[in-house]
């Protein structure tokens, strides 16, 4: 049964245990990234809300696919010091920014990896966070983070298929939280367990409740 998850009460900035808010975080970014932060990087309220869905128990490990400058991981790690957050990002200069910001707030339970998310073993993680990480391929150059990669709709489709494959291979009980989705429904092994309206869209919690015979999406072998 799907249930709406109650949002945490808003806390005045003066008493927040987490020293960041959207303005404070985004002001620390290079000017070119500040202009696009609201499109590409998870809002603080969404990160806090999603973190509690992803890691209801201490010691859980969460993979953020397409971590950007680390805004989700840092905010979530500060909100849940008992969980461990790993952000993987292909752009090395964004990983450098994420490391710098994590050091600024002395966040011990976060790590950033420069590389391709699909080269990692997703079975090692308890949960996954996806803020439509490949939508940049559909935006066009005007809303691209930068010119590091050639953007094309075909790459978007291949990446989405690869995500579905990795999610199918995740451990039983794996949790998935999406914000603005990721371009396709989760694999059939996952059930929608909760949702809440936060930020500019629904935050949805999916849980892998069963193992099914592997259903290969067309083209997955190319990812």
C-alpha atoms as a PDB file:
ATOM      1  CA  UNK A   1       0.000   0.000   0.000  1.00  0.00           C
ATOM      2  CA  UNK A   2       1.321   3.427  -0.928  1.00  0.00           C
ATOM      3  CA  UNK A   3       1.294   5.968   1.845  1.00  0.00           C
ATOM      4  CA  UNK A   4       2.008   9.669   1.918  1.00  0.00           C
ATOM      5  CA  UNK A   5       5.019  10.418   4.079  1.00  0.00           C
ATOM      6  CA  UNK A   6       4.621  13.406   6.358  1.00  0.00           C
ATOM      7  CA  UNK A   7       7.193  16.099   5.738  1.00  0.00           C
ATOM      8  CA  UNK A   8       9.414  17.144   8.631  1.00  0.00           C
ATOM      9  CA  UNK A   9       8.480  20.423  10.261  1.00  0.00           C
ATOM     10  CA  UNK A  10      10.298  23.480   8.987  1.00  0.00           C
ATOM     11  CA  UNK A  11      12.957  24.610  11.421  1.00  0.00           C
ATOM     12  CA  UNK A  12      14.071  28.253  11.645  1.00  0.00           C
ATOM     13  CA  UNK A  13      17.607  28.709  10.294  1.00  0.00           C
ATOM     14  CA  UNK A  14      18.883  29.930  13.652  1.00  0.00           C
ATOM     15  CA  UNK A  15      18.326  26.557  15.331  1.00  0.00           C
ATOM     16  CA  UNK A  16      19.211  24.190  12.523  1.00  0.00           C
ATOM     17  CA  UNK A  17      21.772  21.547  13.407  1.00  0.00           C
ATOM     18  CA  UNK A  18      22.629  21.553   9.709  1.00  0.00           C
ATOM     19  CA  UNK A  19      24.455  24.838   8.976  1.00  0.00           C
ATOM     20  CA  UNK A  20      23.428  24.941   5.319  1.00  0.00           C
ATOM     21  CA  UNK A  21      20.403  26.195   3.458  1.00  0.00           C
ATOM     22  CA  UNK A  22      19.972  26.687  -0.260  1.00  0.00           C
ATOM     23  CA  UNK A  23      21.234  30.256  -0.324  1.00  0.00           C
ATOM     24  CA  UNK A  24      24.225  29.538   1.905  1.00  0.00           C
ATOM     25  CA  UNK A  25      25.207  26.469  -0.096  1.00  0.00           C
ATOM     26  CA  UNK A  26      24.732  27.945  -3.550  1.00  0.00           C
ATOM     27  CA  UNK A  27      26.663  31.112  -2.712  1.00  0.00           C
ATOM     28  CA  UNK A  28      29.773  28.973  -2.232  1.00  0.00           C
ATOM     29  CA  UNK A  29      29.622  27.680  -5.802  1.00  0.00           C
ATOM     30  CA  UNK A  30      31.331  29.263  -8.809  1.00  0.00           C
ATOM     31  CA  UNK A  31      29.096  31.941 -10.343  1.00  0.00           C
ATOM     32  CA  UNK A  32      28.393  29.880 -13.468  1.00  0.00           C
ATOM     33  CA  UNK A  33      27.029  27.058 -11.299  1.00  0.00           C
ATOM     34  CA  UNK A  34      25.016  29.342  -9.035  1.00  0.00           C
ATOM     35  CA  UNK A  35      22.834  30.304 -11.990  1.00  0.00           C
ATOM     36  CA  UNK A  36      21.935  26.653 -12.621  1.00  0.00           C
ATOM     37  CA  UNK A  37      21.924  25.278  -9.092  1.00  0.00           C
ATOM     38  CA  UNK A  38      18.151  25.215  -8.733  1.00  0.00           C
ATOM     39  CA  UNK A  39      17.864  23.020 -11.843  1.00  0.00           C
ATOM     40  CA  UNK A  40      20.701  20.565 -11.270  1.00  0.00           C
ATOM     41  CA  UNK A  41      21.291  20.308  -7.505  1.00  0.00           C
ATOM     42  CA  UNK A  42      18.892  18.935  -4.888  1.00  0.00           C
ATOM     43  CA  UNK A  43      17.216  21.552  -2.654  1.00  0.00           C
ATOM     44  CA  UNK A  44      18.073  21.284   1.034  1.00  0.00           C
ATOM     45  CA  UNK A  45      14.480  20.496   2.088  1.00  0.00           C
ATOM     46  CA  UNK A  46      14.311  17.661  -0.437  1.00  0.00           C
ATOM     47  CA  UNK A  47      17.683  16.260   0.655  1.00  0.00           C
ATOM     48  CA  UNK A  48      16.644  16.145   4.326  1.00  0.00           C
ATOM     49  CA  UNK A  49      13.317  14.553   3.522  1.00  0.00           C
ATOM     50  CA  UNK A  50      14.847  11.999   1.148  1.00  0.00           C
ATOM     51  CA  UNK A  51      17.626  11.100   3.580  1.00  0.00           C
ATOM     52  CA  UNK A  52      15.201   9.783   6.166  1.00  0.00           C
ATOM     53  CA  UNK A  53      13.433   7.651   3.578  1.00  0.00           C
ATOM     54  CA  UNK A  54      16.719   6.244   2.328  1.00  0.00           C
ATOM     55  CA  UNK A  55      18.290   5.378   5.668  1.00  0.00           C
ATOM     56  CA  UNK A  56      15.759   4.547   8.401  1.00  0.00           C
ATOM     57  CA  UNK A  57      18.406   2.566  10.311  1.00  0.00           C
ATOM     58  CA  UNK A  58      21.967   3.507  11.342  1.00  0.00           C
ATOM     59  CA  UNK A  59      24.837   2.141   9.299  1.00  0.00           C
ATOM     60  CA  UNK A  60      23.091   2.127   5.943  1.00  0.00           C
ATOM     61  CA  UNK A  61      25.037   3.081   2.797  1.00  0.00           C
ATOM     62  CA  UNK A  62      23.506   5.281   0.106  1.00  0.00           C
ATOM     63  CA  UNK A  63      24.706   5.891  -3.448  1.00  0.00           C
ATOM     64  CA  UNK A  64      23.879   9.216  -5.092  1.00  0.00           C
ATOM     65  CA  UNK A  65      24.148   8.828  -8.870  1.00  0.00           C
ATOM     66  CA  UNK A  66      25.293  12.048 -10.517  1.00  0.00           C
ATOM     67  CA  UNK A  67      26.290  13.804  -7.309  1.00  0.00           C
ATOM     68  CA  UNK A  68      27.285  17.100  -8.921  1.00  0.00           C
ATOM     69  CA  UNK A  69      28.784  19.447  -6.324  1.00  0.00           C
ATOM     70  CA  UNK A  70      27.676  17.140  -3.493  1.00  0.00           C
ATOM     71  CA  UNK A  71      24.707  19.145  -2.260  1.00  0.00           C
ATOM     72  CA  UNK A  72      22.463  16.146  -1.647  1.00  0.00           C
ATOM     73  CA  UNK A  73      25.148  13.995  -0.022  1.00  0.00           C
ATOM     74  CA  UNK A  74      26.450  16.732   2.260  1.00  0.00           C
ATOM     75  CA  UNK A  75      23.013  17.886   3.393  1.00  0.00           C
ATOM     76  CA  UNK A  76      21.770  14.321   3.891  1.00  0.00           C
ATOM     77  CA  UNK A  77      24.936  13.263   5.733  1.00  0.00           C
ATOM     78  CA  UNK A  78      24.606  16.184   8.136  1.00  0.00           C
ATOM     79  CA  UNK A  79      20.962  15.279   8.757  1.00  0.00           C
ATOM     80  CA  UNK A  80      21.777  11.579   9.335  1.00  0.00           C
ATOM     81  CA  UNK A  81      25.243  11.197  10.871  1.00  0.00           C
ATOM     82  CA  UNK A  82      24.672   7.471  11.367  1.00  0.00           C
ATOM     83  CA  UNK A  83      24.387   6.752   7.628  1.00  0.00           C
ATOM     84  CA  UNK A  84      27.123   6.800   4.991  1.00  0.00           C
ATOM     85  CA  UNK A  85      26.604   8.664   1.717  1.00  0.00           C
ATOM     86  CA  UNK A  86      28.651   8.112  -1.444  1.00  0.00           C
ATOM     87  CA  UNK A  87      28.304  10.443  -4.409  1.00  0.00           C
ATOM     88  CA  UNK A  88      29.597   9.432  -7.828  1.00  0.00           C
ATOM     89  CA  UNK A  89      30.175  12.121 -10.438  1.00  0.00           C
ATOM     90  CA  UNK A  90      31.819  12.103 -13.888  1.00  0.00           C
ATOM     91  CA  UNK A  91      33.001  15.710 -13.879  1.00  0.00           C
ATOM     92  CA  UNK A  92      36.282  15.959 -11.908  1.00  0.00           C
ATOM     93  CA  UNK A  93      35.936  19.678 -11.162  1.00  0.00           C
ATOM     94  CA  UNK A  94      32.531  19.083  -9.537  1.00  0.00           C
ATOM     95  CA  UNK A  95      34.045  16.330  -7.398  1.00  0.00           C
ATOM     96  CA  UNK A  96      36.723  18.792  -6.281  1.00  0.00           C
ATOM     97  CA  UNK A  97      34.042  21.291  -5.279  1.00  0.00           C
ATOM     98  CA  UNK A  98      32.163  18.570  -3.381  1.00  0.00           C
ATOM     99  CA  UNK A  99      35.317  17.615  -1.468  1.00  0.00           C
ATOM    100  CA  UNK A 100      35.952  21.254  -0.577  1.00  0.00           C
ATOM    101  CA  UNK A 101      32.407  21.782   0.706  1.00  0.00           C
ATOM    102  CA  UNK A 102      32.472  18.557   2.716  1.00  0.00           C
ATOM    103  CA  UNK A 103      35.675  19.730   4.382  1.00  0.00           C
ATOM    104  CA  UNK A 104      34.164  23.158   5.057  1.00  0.00           C
ATOM    105  CA  UNK A 105      31.397  21.614   7.155  1.00  0.00           C
ATOM    106  CA  UNK A 106      33.560  18.750   8.468  1.00  0.00           C
ATOM    107  CA  UNK A 107      31.202  16.026   7.247  1.00  0.00           C
ATOM    108  CA  UNK A 108      32.764  12.658   8.190  1.00  0.00           C
ATOM    109  CA  UNK A 109      30.134  10.320   6.729  1.00  0.00           C
ATOM    110  CA  UNK A 110      30.307  11.358   3.090  1.00  0.00           C
ATOM    111  CA  UNK A 111      32.593  10.325   0.250  1.00  0.00           C
ATOM    112  CA  UNK A 112      32.810  11.415  -3.369  1.00  0.00           C
ATOM    113  CA  UNK A 113      34.001   9.288  -6.260  1.00  0.00           C
ATOM    114  CA  UNK A 114      35.094  10.577  -9.639  1.00  0.00           C
ATOM    115  CA  UNK A 115      33.987   8.120 -12.285  1.00  0.00           C
ATOM    116  CA  UNK A 116      31.164   6.366 -14.086  1.00  0.00           C
ATOM    117  CA  UNK A 117      28.339   5.190 -11.811  1.00  0.00           C
ATOM    118  CA  UNK A 118      27.939   2.068 -13.925  1.00  0.00           C
ATOM    119  CA  UNK A 119      31.462   0.928 -13.138  1.00  0.00           C
ATOM    120  CA  UNK A 120      30.522   0.583  -9.454  1.00  0.00           C
ATOM    121  CA  UNK A 121      29.030  -2.498  -7.823  1.00  0.00           C
ATOM    122  CA  UNK A 122      25.532  -1.373  -6.867  1.00  0.00           C
ATOM    123  CA  UNK A 123      24.957  -4.547  -4.836  1.00  0.00           C
ATOM    124  CA  UNK A 124      27.213  -3.056  -2.137  1.00  0.00           C
ATOM    125  CA  UNK A 125      24.696  -0.315  -1.314  1.00  0.00           C
ATOM    126  CA  UNK A 126      21.527  -0.351   0.753  1.00  0.00           C
ATOM    127  CA  UNK A 127      19.832   2.530  -1.025  1.00  0.00           C
ATOM    128  CA  UNK A 128      20.006   4.794  -4.066  1.00  0.00           C
ATOM    129  CA  UNK A 129      19.122   8.424  -4.720  1.00  0.00           C
ATOM    130  CA  UNK A 130      18.223   9.636  -8.219  1.00  0.00           C
ATOM    131  CA  UNK A 131      17.407  13.237  -9.083  1.00  0.00           C
ATOM    132  CA  UNK A 132      16.799  12.597 -12.787  1.00  0.00           C
ATOM    133  CA  UNK A 133      20.587  12.468 -13.242  1.00  0.00           C
ATOM    134  CA  UNK A 134      20.612  12.176 -17.031  1.00  0.00           C
ATOM    135  CA  UNK A 135      17.996  14.812 -17.903  1.00  0.00           C
ATOM    136  CA  UNK A 136      20.785  17.133 -18.976  1.00  0.00           C
ATOM    137  CA  UNK A 137      20.950  15.141 -22.214  1.00  0.00           C
ATOM    138  CA  UNK A 138      17.387  16.270 -22.942  1.00  0.00           C
ATOM    139  CA  UNK A 139      17.708  19.916 -21.881  1.00  0.00           C
ATOM    140  CA  UNK A 140      20.003  21.094 -24.645  1.00  0.00           C
ATOM    141  CA  UNK A 141      23.073  23.272 -24.313  1.00  0.00           C
ATOM    142  CA  UNK A 142      21.247  26.197 -22.681  1.00  0.00           C
ATOM    143  CA  UNK A 143      20.746  24.341 -19.388  1.00  0.00           C
ATOM    144  CA  UNK A 144      23.806  22.082 -19.500  1.00  0.00           C
ATOM    145  CA  UNK A 145      26.047  22.260 -16.450  1.00  0.00           C
ATOM    146  CA  UNK A 146      29.008  22.879 -18.737  1.00  0.00           C
ATOM    147  CA  UNK A 147      30.516  21.638 -21.991  1.00  0.00           C
ATOM    148  CA  UNK A 148      32.402  18.675 -20.529  1.00  0.00           C
ATOM    149  CA  UNK A 149      30.331  16.074 -22.392  1.00  0.00           C
ATOM    150  CA  UNK A 150      28.445  15.915 -25.645  1.00  0.00           C
ATOM    151  CA  UNK A 151      24.752  15.754 -24.823  1.00  0.00           C
ATOM    152  CA  UNK A 152      22.365  13.651 -26.875  1.00  0.00           C
ATOM    153  CA  UNK A 153      18.981  11.964 -26.320  1.00  0.00           C
ATOM    154  CA  UNK A 154      20.406   8.562 -27.282  1.00  0.00           C
ATOM    155  CA  UNK A 155      22.780   8.640 -24.313  1.00  0.00           C
ATOM    156  CA  UNK A 156      19.855   9.477 -22.030  1.00  0.00           C
ATOM    157  CA  UNK A 157      18.011   6.321 -23.095  1.00  0.00           C
ATOM    158  CA  UNK A 158      21.052   4.099 -22.623  1.00  0.00           C
ATOM    159  CA  UNK A 159      21.770   5.520 -19.153  1.00  0.00           C
ATOM    160  CA  UNK A 160      18.176   5.032 -18.017  1.00  0.00           C
ATOM    161  CA  UNK A 161      18.234   1.417 -19.202  1.00  0.00           C
ATOM    162  CA  UNK A 162      21.497   0.852 -17.345  1.00  0.00           C
ATOM    163  CA  UNK A 163      19.975   2.233 -14.120  1.00  0.00           C
ATOM    164  CA  UNK A 164      17.080  -0.200 -14.375  1.00  0.00           C
ATOM    165  CA  UNK A 165      19.514  -3.077 -14.820  1.00  0.00           C
ATOM    166  CA  UNK A 166      21.605  -2.094 -11.782  1.00  0.00           C
ATOM    167  CA  UNK A 167      18.514  -1.628  -9.655  1.00  0.00           C
ATOM    168  CA  UNK A 168      17.340  -5.112 -10.615  1.00  0.00           C
ATOM    169  CA  UNK A 169      20.677  -6.473  -9.413  1.00  0.00           C
ATOM    170  CA  UNK A 170      20.521  -4.637  -6.084  1.00  0.00           C
ATOM    171  CA  UNK A 171      20.041  -6.592  -2.880  1.00  0.00           C
ATOM    172  CA  UNK A 172      16.572  -7.543  -1.652  1.00  0.00           C
ATOM    173  CA  UNK A 173      15.205  -4.733   0.489  1.00  0.00           C
ATOM    174  CA  UNK A 174      17.160  -2.062  -1.390  1.00  0.00           C
ATOM    175  CA  UNK A 175      15.572   1.363  -1.146  1.00  0.00           C
ATOM    176  CA  UNK A 176      15.270   3.837  -4.019  1.00  0.00           C
ATOM    177  CA  UNK A 177      14.302   7.477  -3.644  1.00  0.00           C
ATOM    178  CA  UNK A 178      13.584   9.550  -6.733  1.00  0.00           C
ATOM    179  CA  UNK A 179      13.043  13.275  -7.150  1.00  0.00           C
ATOM    180  CA  UNK A 180      11.727  14.179 -10.606  1.00  0.00           C
ATOM    181  CA  UNK A 181      12.151  10.473 -11.398  1.00  0.00           C
ATOM    182  CA  UNK A 182      15.013   9.093 -13.443  1.00  0.00           C
ATOM    183  CA  UNK A 183      13.426   8.693 -16.883  1.00  0.00           C
ATOM    184  CA  UNK A 184      11.578   5.378 -16.474  1.00  0.00           C
ATOM    185  CA  UNK A 185       9.651   3.416 -13.838  1.00  0.00           C
ATOM    186  CA  UNK A 186      11.737   1.324 -11.423  1.00  0.00           C
ATOM    187  CA  UNK A 187      12.058  -2.383 -12.263  1.00  0.00           C
ATOM    188  CA  UNK A 188       9.061  -4.599 -11.422  1.00  0.00           C
ATOM    189  CA  UNK A 189      10.855  -5.947  -8.357  1.00  0.00           C
ATOM    190  CA  UNK A 190      10.201  -2.594  -6.649  1.00  0.00           C
ATOM    191  CA  UNK A 191       7.028  -1.424  -4.900  1.00  0.00           C
ATOM    192  CA  UNK A 192       6.120   2.178  -4.206  1.00  0.00           C
ATOM    193  CA  UNK A 193       6.233   2.445  -0.412  1.00  0.00           C
ATOM    194  CA  UNK A 194       5.771   6.154   0.217  1.00  0.00           C
ATOM    195  CA  UNK A 195       5.684   9.592  -1.338  1.00  0.00           C
ATOM    196  CA  UNK A 196       5.586  13.236  -0.360  1.00  0.00           C
ATOM    197  CA  UNK A 197       5.412  16.560  -2.173  1.00  0.00           C
ATOM    198  CA  UNK A 198       8.606  18.466  -1.456  1.00  0.00           C
ATOM    199  CA  UNK A 199      10.321  21.135  -3.492  1.00  0.00           C
ATOM    200  CA  UNK A 200       9.017  21.223  -7.075  1.00  0.00           C
ATOM    201  CA  UNK A 201       7.966  17.580  -7.363  1.00  0.00           C
ATOM    202  CA  UNK A 202       7.092  14.362  -5.546  1.00  0.00           C
ATOM    203  CA  UNK A 203       9.775  12.511  -3.641  1.00  0.00           C
ATOM    204  CA  UNK A 204       9.030   8.809  -4.019  1.00  0.00           C
ATOM    205  CA  UNK A 205      10.309   5.849  -2.001  1.00  0.00           C
ATOM    206  CA  UNK A 206      10.536   2.487  -3.743  1.00  0.00           C
ATOM    207  CA  UNK A 207      11.624  -0.761  -2.058  1.00  0.00           C
ATOM    208  CA  UNK A 208      12.821  -3.952  -3.706  1.00  0.00           C
ATOM    209  CA  UNK A 209      10.456  -6.539  -2.263  1.00  0.00           C
ATOM    210  CA  UNK A 210      11.080  -9.563  -4.484  1.00  0.00           C
ATOM    211  CA  UNK A 211      13.453 -11.230  -6.904  1.00  0.00           C
ATOM    212  CA  UNK A 212      12.172 -11.837 -10.416  1.00  0.00           C
ATOM    213  CA  UNK A 213      13.638 -13.585 -13.413  1.00  0.00           C
ATOM    214  CA  UNK A 214      15.982 -11.154 -15.122  1.00  0.00           C
ATOM    215  CA  UNK A 215      14.222  -9.119 -17.782  1.00  0.00           C
ATOM    216  CA  UNK A 216      16.812  -7.451 -19.992  1.00  0.00           C
ATOM    217  CA  UNK A 217      15.766  -4.131 -21.433  1.00  0.00           C
ATOM    218  CA  UNK A 218      16.680  -3.801 -25.075  1.00  0.00           C
ATOM    219  CA  UNK A 219      20.108  -2.282 -25.384  1.00  0.00           C
ATOM    220  CA  UNK A 220      21.168  -2.834 -21.774  1.00  0.00           C
ATOM    221  CA  UNK A 221      24.237  -4.715 -22.949  1.00  0.00           C
ATOM    222  CA  UNK A 222      25.437  -1.518 -24.588  1.00  0.00           C
ATOM    223  CA  UNK A 223      25.386   0.470 -21.335  1.00  0.00           C
END
